[in-house]
Every structure is written in C-alpha cells, then in structure tokens.
Protein backbone atom coordinates (compact mmCIF):
# COMPACT_ATOMS: atom_id res chain seq x y z
CA MET A 1 14.91 0.89 -4.52
CA GLY A 2 14.80 3.35 -1.64
CA VAL A 3 13.92 7.33 -1.36
CA ALA A 4 16.96 9.48 -0.61
CA GLN A 5 17.10 10.94 2.99
CA VAL A 6 17.60 14.62 2.06
CA PRO A 7 17.67 16.90 5.25
CA SER A 8 14.99 19.96 4.80
CA GLU A 9 16.10 23.49 6.05
CA THR A 10 13.91 26.30 7.28
CA GLY A 11 12.99 28.75 4.59
CA LYS A 12 13.42 26.32 1.66
CA ARG A 13 10.93 25.88 -1.06
CA TYR A 14 10.43 22.10 -2.61
CA VAL A 15 8.37 21.48 -5.41
CA CYS A 16 6.75 17.81 -7.59
CA SER A 17 7.84 17.51 -10.76
CA GLN A 18 4.82 15.79 -11.08
CA CYS A 19 2.10 17.51 -9.84
CA GLY A 20 3.65 21.07 -9.42
CA ALA A 21 2.85 21.24 -5.82
CA GLU A 22 5.29 23.54 -3.66
CA PHE A 23 5.83 23.43 -0.18
CA ILE A 24 8.00 26.02 2.01
CA VAL A 25 9.92 24.03 5.10
CA THR A 26 8.95 25.80 8.33
CA LYS A 27 10.14 23.39 10.63
CA ALA A 28 13.76 21.74 9.64
CA GLY A 29 14.10 18.11 9.76
CA SER A 30 15.71 15.01 8.49
CA GLY A 31 13.83 12.70 5.97
CA ALA A 32 12.58 13.05 2.49
CA LEU A 33 9.81 14.98 1.26
CA VAL A 34 7.54 12.95 -1.14
CA CYS A 35 4.67 13.94 -3.29
CA CYS A 36 3.06 11.33 -6.11
CA GLY A 37 5.16 9.06 -4.95
CA GLN A 38 8.59 10.90 -6.11
CA PRO A 39 11.03 13.26 -4.06
CA MET A 40 10.33 16.45 -4.16
CA GLN A 41 13.25 18.66 -5.35
CA LEU A 42 14.63 22.08 -4.27
CA LYS A 43 13.19 24.92 -6.07
CA ARG A 44 15.60 27.20 -7.52
C-alpha cells in the first residue's frame, strides 16, 4: 500500500493526526508530507 502523492501548496498548513506536529509549506512541490508513518492532513 503506497502513500498518496498530494502536491503541497505554498502557504498551506499540514498537521499530523498522531502527534499534532504542524508544518507550513514554504516551497511548493509534489510528493507527500509524512509524519509518524502516516500522510499529514491539510489543516482547515
């Protein structure tokens, strides 16, 4: 089972549902943001 390749957009905030770590994207790109072995979720 692979990790979804979700493009990251500049200025978007992502959060880890496991540990609560948050990241703000400063340089857009393709690929998945992963933390604690799981894809990070876009924070709304």
